[in-house]
Amino acid sequence: MSIVVGLIALIASLSGIGGYYADNLVRDLVRSQLSGAERLEVRIEAIPNYKLVSGEIDRLRLAGRGLYLRPDLRVARLDVETDGILVDLGSTPRLRRPLQAAVNLELTEADLNRALNTPEILKSLQGLKAELPGGVGGSGQPEVLNFTDPHITLIGENQVIVQSVVRVEGKTKTLLVTFRSGLAVDRYTRLRLVNPVFTLDEVPVPPEIADVFLSGINQVVDLEPLAKQGIDARILELEVAPGQLNFVGFARIEKIPGTIR
């Protein structure tokens, strides 16, 4: 959704520019906001072209493949299509009506694993205190656990398998936590694991250990922070296919980012 935000912020710069040149300008400006892009196409529809001068666009379409929102966050495919856009091009540009956009997004298994292993999420998987089952060498007292190398496998039919190595502080032996779960959307804004089955070296896992994984997975896709920017972003459909995760989303934007209204 951050690319949608960037597109709207750029509309105010299009006054007096028509057709092909506007397409290229927006494409280049969007590309400059990314860490990288394997393919990026933008098309602005305004008939007749002079409507751009008054900040009016009939439709804006973006098609991206292999977009790096940041070095460790890659999107395999992103397609965005807006409704009509009306921008007041005064001294402080503003939307004359809320903007709505449809978004189709695809993440591959490799994309998700790269995102899951970012420093922010790995930090949240450190220092968990829980009592391990006796079957895996638990001492009967809470121990400090650190999770490393989390990995997601997308197996289709909205099912995923997640694994991670668990290191117990003060011990040399490592354990393998595994769970299989359904995947759904919670309140239209974040991923949620459904009926997860957890094991730790094939022994049932305590709820405290399961909870830390739930927290980490939920952070990979979370749209709630966009509400603070005046953006109502929602995931309408979710499909887990072998090796890839597909989203259909919607965004309603009340104001150009960085403006008061």
Protein backbone atom coordinates (compact mmCIF):
# COMPACT_ATOMS: atom_id res chain seq x y z
CA MET A 1 0.00 0.00 0.00
CA SER A 2 2.93 2.36 0.45
CA ILE A 3 3.31 2.58 -3.33
CA VAL A 4 -0.31 3.71 -3.60
CA VAL A 5 0.53 6.46 -1.10
CA GLY A 6 3.52 7.52 -3.13
CA LEU A 7 1.52 7.65 -6.35
CA ILE A 8 -1.05 9.99 -4.90
CA ALA A 9 1.61 12.27 -3.48
CA LEU A 10 3.03 12.62 -6.99
CA ILE A 11 -0.20 13.63 -8.74
CA ALA A 12 0.28 17.28 -7.80
CA SER A 13 3.47 17.40 -9.90
CA LEU A 14 1.69 16.55 -13.16
CA SER A 15 0.21 19.95 -13.96
CA GLY A 16 0.92 20.91 -17.57
CA ILE A 17 2.38 17.51 -18.51
CA GLY A 18 0.52 15.24 -20.87
CA GLY A 19 0.15 11.61 -21.86
CA TYR A 20 3.37 9.71 -22.48
CA TYR A 21 5.51 12.18 -20.52
CA ALA A 22 3.27 11.98 -17.45
CA ASP A 23 3.43 8.17 -17.55
CA ASN A 24 7.23 8.22 -17.66
CA LEU A 25 7.54 10.91 -14.99
CA VAL A 26 5.38 9.01 -12.50
CA ARG A 27 7.11 5.72 -13.33
CA ASP A 28 10.54 7.24 -12.72
CA LEU A 29 9.44 8.95 -9.51
CA VAL A 30 7.89 5.72 -8.18
CA ARG A 31 11.05 3.81 -9.10
CA SER A 32 13.11 6.35 -7.16
CA GLN A 33 11.12 5.48 -4.01
CA LEU A 34 11.97 1.79 -4.32
CA SER A 35 15.15 -0.07 -3.44
CA GLY A 36 14.84 -1.84 -6.79
CA ALA A 37 12.39 -2.87 -9.51
CA GLU A 38 12.71 -5.62 -12.09
CA ARG A 39 9.82 -4.23 -14.12
CA LEU A 40 7.59 -1.20 -13.56
CA GLU A 41 4.93 0.26 -15.88
CA VAL A 42 2.61 3.20 -15.22
CA ARG A 43 -0.26 4.46 -17.35
CA ILE A 44 -2.23 7.63 -16.66
CA GLU A 45 -5.57 8.01 -18.42
CA ALA A 46 -6.90 11.55 -18.83
CA ILE A 47 -9.12 12.28 -21.82
CA PRO A 48 -8.61 14.90 -23.06
CA ASN A 49 -5.02 15.37 -21.83
CA TYR A 50 -5.55 18.97 -20.75
CA LYS A 51 -7.53 17.66 -17.75
CA LEU A 52 -4.14 17.03 -16.13
CA VAL A 53 -3.60 20.78 -15.93
CA SER A 54 -6.51 21.04 -13.49
CA GLY A 55 -5.43 17.98 -11.50
CA GLU A 56 -7.98 15.56 -12.95
CA ILE A 57 -7.19 11.97 -13.95
CA ASP A 58 -9.69 9.37 -15.16
CA ARG A 59 -7.67 6.37 -14.04
CA LEU A 60 -4.13 5.50 -12.98
CA ARG A 61 -2.72 2.02 -13.50
CA LEU A 62 0.51 0.56 -12.18
CA ALA A 63 1.98 -2.87 -12.95
CA GLY A 64 5.13 -3.92 -11.14
CA ARG A 65 7.14 -7.13 -11.04
CA GLY A 66 9.93 -7.82 -8.59
CA LEU A 67 9.54 -4.59 -6.61
CA TYR A 68 11.79 -4.07 -3.59
CA LEU A 69 9.95 -1.79 -1.16
CA ARG A 70 13.17 -1.98 0.85
CA PRO A 71 16.19 -4.25 0.40
CA ASP A 72 14.69 -7.06 2.49
CA LEU A 73 11.06 -6.71 1.38
CA ARG A 74 10.32 -7.89 -2.17
CA VAL A 75 6.90 -8.03 -3.86
CA ALA A 76 6.75 -10.49 -6.75
CA ARG A 77 3.79 -8.78 -8.43
CA LEU A 78 1.82 -5.60 -7.76
CA ASP A 79 -1.06 -4.27 -9.85
CA VAL A 80 -2.82 -1.05 -8.83
CA GLU A 81 -5.81 0.60 -10.52
CA THR A 82 -7.46 3.75 -9.18
CA ASP A 83 -10.83 5.35 -9.69
CA GLY A 84 -10.91 8.90 -10.99
CA ILE A 85 -8.57 11.32 -9.19
CA LEU A 86 -9.31 14.98 -8.48
CA VAL A 87 -6.54 17.09 -6.97
CA ASP A 88 -6.77 20.76 -5.97
CA LEU A 89 -3.46 22.15 -7.27
CA GLY A 90 -3.37 25.18 -4.98
CA SER A 91 -0.46 26.26 -2.80
CA THR A 92 -1.20 23.20 -0.64
CA PRO A 93 -2.34 20.40 -2.97
CA ARG A 94 -5.20 18.27 -1.62
CA LEU A 95 -7.61 15.64 -2.82
CA ARG A 96 -10.95 17.13 -3.80
CA ARG A 97 -12.57 13.76 -3.08
CA PRO A 98 -11.32 10.55 -1.46
CA LEU A 99 -9.31 8.35 -3.78
CA GLN A 100 -10.03 4.64 -4.11
CA ALA A 101 -7.70 2.01 -5.53
CA ALA A 102 -7.85 -1.74 -6.14
CA VAL A 103 -4.64 -3.62 -5.39
CA ASN A 104 -3.51 -7.11 -6.42
CA LEU A 105 -0.35 -8.36 -4.76
CA GLU A 106 1.67 -11.58 -4.92
CA LEU A 107 4.40 -12.69 -2.54
CA THR A 108 6.47 -15.78 -3.18
CA GLU A 109 7.66 -18.20 -0.53
CA ALA A 110 11.15 -16.70 -0.88
CA ASP A 111 9.73 -13.17 -0.45
CA LEU A 112 7.99 -14.15 2.78
CA ASN A 113 11.05 -15.88 4.20
CA ARG A 114 13.20 -12.85 3.45
CA ALA A 115 10.68 -10.63 5.26
CA LEU A 116 10.38 -13.04 8.18
CA ASN A 117 14.14 -12.95 8.70
CA THR A 118 14.44 -9.16 8.94
CA PRO A 119 16.16 -7.82 12.08
CA GLU A 120 12.90 -6.34 13.42
CA ILE A 121 11.05 -9.65 13.38
CA LEU A 122 14.03 -11.74 14.49
CA LYS A 123 14.39 -9.44 17.50
CA SER A 124 10.79 -10.21 18.51
CA LEU A 125 11.65 -13.92 18.49
CA GLN A 126 14.42 -13.57 21.09
CA GLY A 127 14.35 -13.94 24.87
CA LEU A 128 11.07 -15.85 25.26
CA LYS A 129 10.66 -17.41 28.68
CA ALA A 130 8.75 -20.70 28.78
CA GLU A 131 8.83 -24.05 30.50
CA LEU A 132 9.86 -26.76 28.06
CA PRO A 133 8.17 -30.17 28.04
CA GLY A 134 10.09 -32.89 29.87
CA GLY A 135 10.20 -34.89 26.64
CA VAL A 136 12.70 -32.42 25.15
CA GLY A 137 14.84 -31.95 28.25
CA GLY A 138 12.82 -29.37 30.14
CA SER A 139 14.03 -28.65 33.68
CA GLY A 140 10.60 -27.94 35.15
CA GLN A 141 11.46 -24.22 35.37
CA PRO A 142 11.01 -21.40 32.81
CA GLU A 143 13.96 -21.16 30.43
CA VAL A 144 15.07 -18.46 27.99
CA LEU A 145 14.51 -19.40 24.35
CA ASN A 146 15.83 -17.76 21.18
CA PHE A 147 14.40 -18.54 17.76
CA THR A 148 16.57 -18.45 14.64
CA ASP A 149 16.15 -19.27 10.94
CA PRO A 150 12.34 -19.11 10.76
CA HIS A 151 11.06 -20.56 7.49
CA ILE A 152 7.62 -20.67 5.86
CA THR A 153 6.50 -23.30 3.34
CA LEU A 154 3.34 -22.47 1.36
CA ILE A 155 1.66 -25.79 0.61
CA GLY A 156 -1.61 -24.59 -0.94
CA GLU A 157 -5.28 -24.69 0.07
CA ASN A 158 -4.56 -21.80 2.49
CA GLN A 159 -2.21 -24.02 4.49
CA VAL A 160 1.33 -23.20 5.62
CA ILE A 161 4.12 -24.95 7.49
CA VAL A 162 6.45 -22.84 9.64
CA GLN A 163 9.67 -24.07 11.23
CA SER A 164 12.41 -22.51 13.33
CA VAL A 165 15.49 -23.56 15.25
CA VAL A 166 15.15 -22.96 19.00
CA ARG A 167 18.23 -22.37 21.14
CA VAL A 168 17.93 -22.67 24.91
CA GLU A 169 20.24 -20.30 26.80
CA GLY A 170 22.85 -22.20 28.79
CA LYS A 171 22.49 -25.37 26.71
CA THR A 172 24.27 -26.50 23.55
CA LYS A 173 21.43 -28.64 22.17
CA THR A 174 19.09 -27.02 19.65
CA LEU A 175 15.47 -27.94 19.02
CA LEU A 176 13.22 -27.68 15.98
CA VAL A 177 9.79 -26.14 16.36
CA THR A 178 7.29 -26.97 13.60
CA PHE A 179 3.70 -26.07 13.07
CA ARG A 180 1.13 -26.50 10.36
CA SER A 181 -1.68 -24.01 10.17
CA GLY A 182 -4.40 -22.51 8.06
CA LEU A 183 -3.95 -18.88 7.03
CA ALA A 184 -6.69 -16.23 7.09
CA VAL A 185 -7.14 -12.46 7.29
CA ASP A 186 -7.89 -10.84 10.64
CA ARG A 187 -10.08 -7.70 10.54
CA TYR A 188 -9.11 -7.18 6.89
CA THR A 189 -5.66 -5.86 7.91
CA ARG A 190 -3.31 -8.65 8.99
CA LEU A 191 -2.57 -12.35 8.62
CA ARG A 192 -3.86 -14.82 11.19
CA LEU A 193 -2.94 -18.46 11.75
CA VAL A 194 -5.95 -20.78 12.01
CA ASN A 195 -5.96 -23.92 14.18
CA PRO A 196 -2.16 -24.25 14.30
CA VAL A 197 -0.69 -27.58 15.38
CA PHE A 198 2.68 -27.08 17.09
CA THR A 199 5.43 -29.56 17.93
CA LEU A 200 8.91 -29.17 19.39
CA ASP A 201 11.07 -32.07 18.23
CA GLU A 202 7.72 -33.86 17.71
CA VAL A 203 6.59 -33.08 21.27
CA PRO A 204 3.53 -30.79 21.76
CA VAL A 205 4.57 -27.16 22.28
CA PRO A 206 3.50 -24.98 25.26
CA PRO A 207 1.17 -22.06 24.38
CA GLU A 208 3.85 -19.48 25.31
CA ILE A 209 6.14 -20.76 22.55
CA ALA A 210 3.32 -20.81 20.03
CA ASP A 211 2.36 -17.22 20.84
CA VAL A 212 5.78 -15.80 19.95
CA PHE A 213 5.52 -17.25 16.47
CA LEU A 214 2.02 -15.87 16.01
CA SER A 215 3.34 -12.42 16.86
CA GLY A 216 6.18 -12.68 14.36
CA ILE A 217 4.03 -13.92 11.48
CA ASN A 218 1.42 -11.21 12.07
CA GLN A 219 4.09 -8.53 11.61
CA VAL A 220 4.95 -9.67 8.06
CA VAL A 221 1.68 -8.26 6.67
CA ASP A 222 -0.02 -5.61 8.83
CA LEU A 223 -1.93 -2.67 7.34
CA GLU A 224 -3.20 -1.11 10.58
CA PRO A 225 -0.38 1.50 10.81
CA LEU A 226 -1.63 3.07 7.55
CA ALA A 227 -4.77 4.30 9.35
CA LYS A 228 -2.63 6.96 11.05
CA GLN A 229 -1.93 8.40 7.58
CA GLY A 230 -5.63 8.64 6.73
CA ILE A 231 -5.58 5.48 4.62
CA ASP A 232 -8.23 2.78 4.95
CA ALA A 233 -6.42 -0.28 3.53
CA ARG A 234 -8.02 -3.71 3.52
CA ILE A 235 -7.25 -7.23 2.38
CA LEU A 236 -10.42 -8.51 0.71
CA GLU A 237 -9.22 -11.91 -0.54
CA LEU A 238 -6.36 -14.22 0.38
CA GLU A 239 -5.18 -17.30 -1.50
CA VAL A 240 -2.33 -19.60 -0.53
CA ALA A 241 -1.10 -21.59 -3.52
CA PRO A 242 1.99 -23.84 -3.55
CA GLY A 243 4.95 -21.47 -3.28
CA GLN A 244 3.01 -18.21 -3.45
CA LEU A 245 0.62 -15.98 -1.51
CA ASN A 246 -1.91 -13.79 -3.33
CA PHE A 247 -3.86 -10.81 -1.98
CA VAL A 248 -6.69 -8.72 -3.41
CA GLY A 249 -6.93 -5.44 -1.55
CA PHE A 250 -8.61 -2.06 -1.46
CA ALA A 251 -7.40 1.36 -0.34
CA ARG A 252 -9.35 4.54 0.33
CA ILE A 253 -7.17 7.62 0.78
CA GLU A 254 -8.62 10.79 2.30
CA LYS A 255 -5.67 13.16 1.84
CA ILE A 256 -2.32 13.48 0.12
CA PRO A 257 0.37 12.19 2.51
CA GLY A 258 2.22 15.01 4.26
CA THR A 259 -0.66 17.50 4.00
CA ILE A 260 -2.93 18.67 6.80
CA ARG A 261 -6.17 17.81 5.03
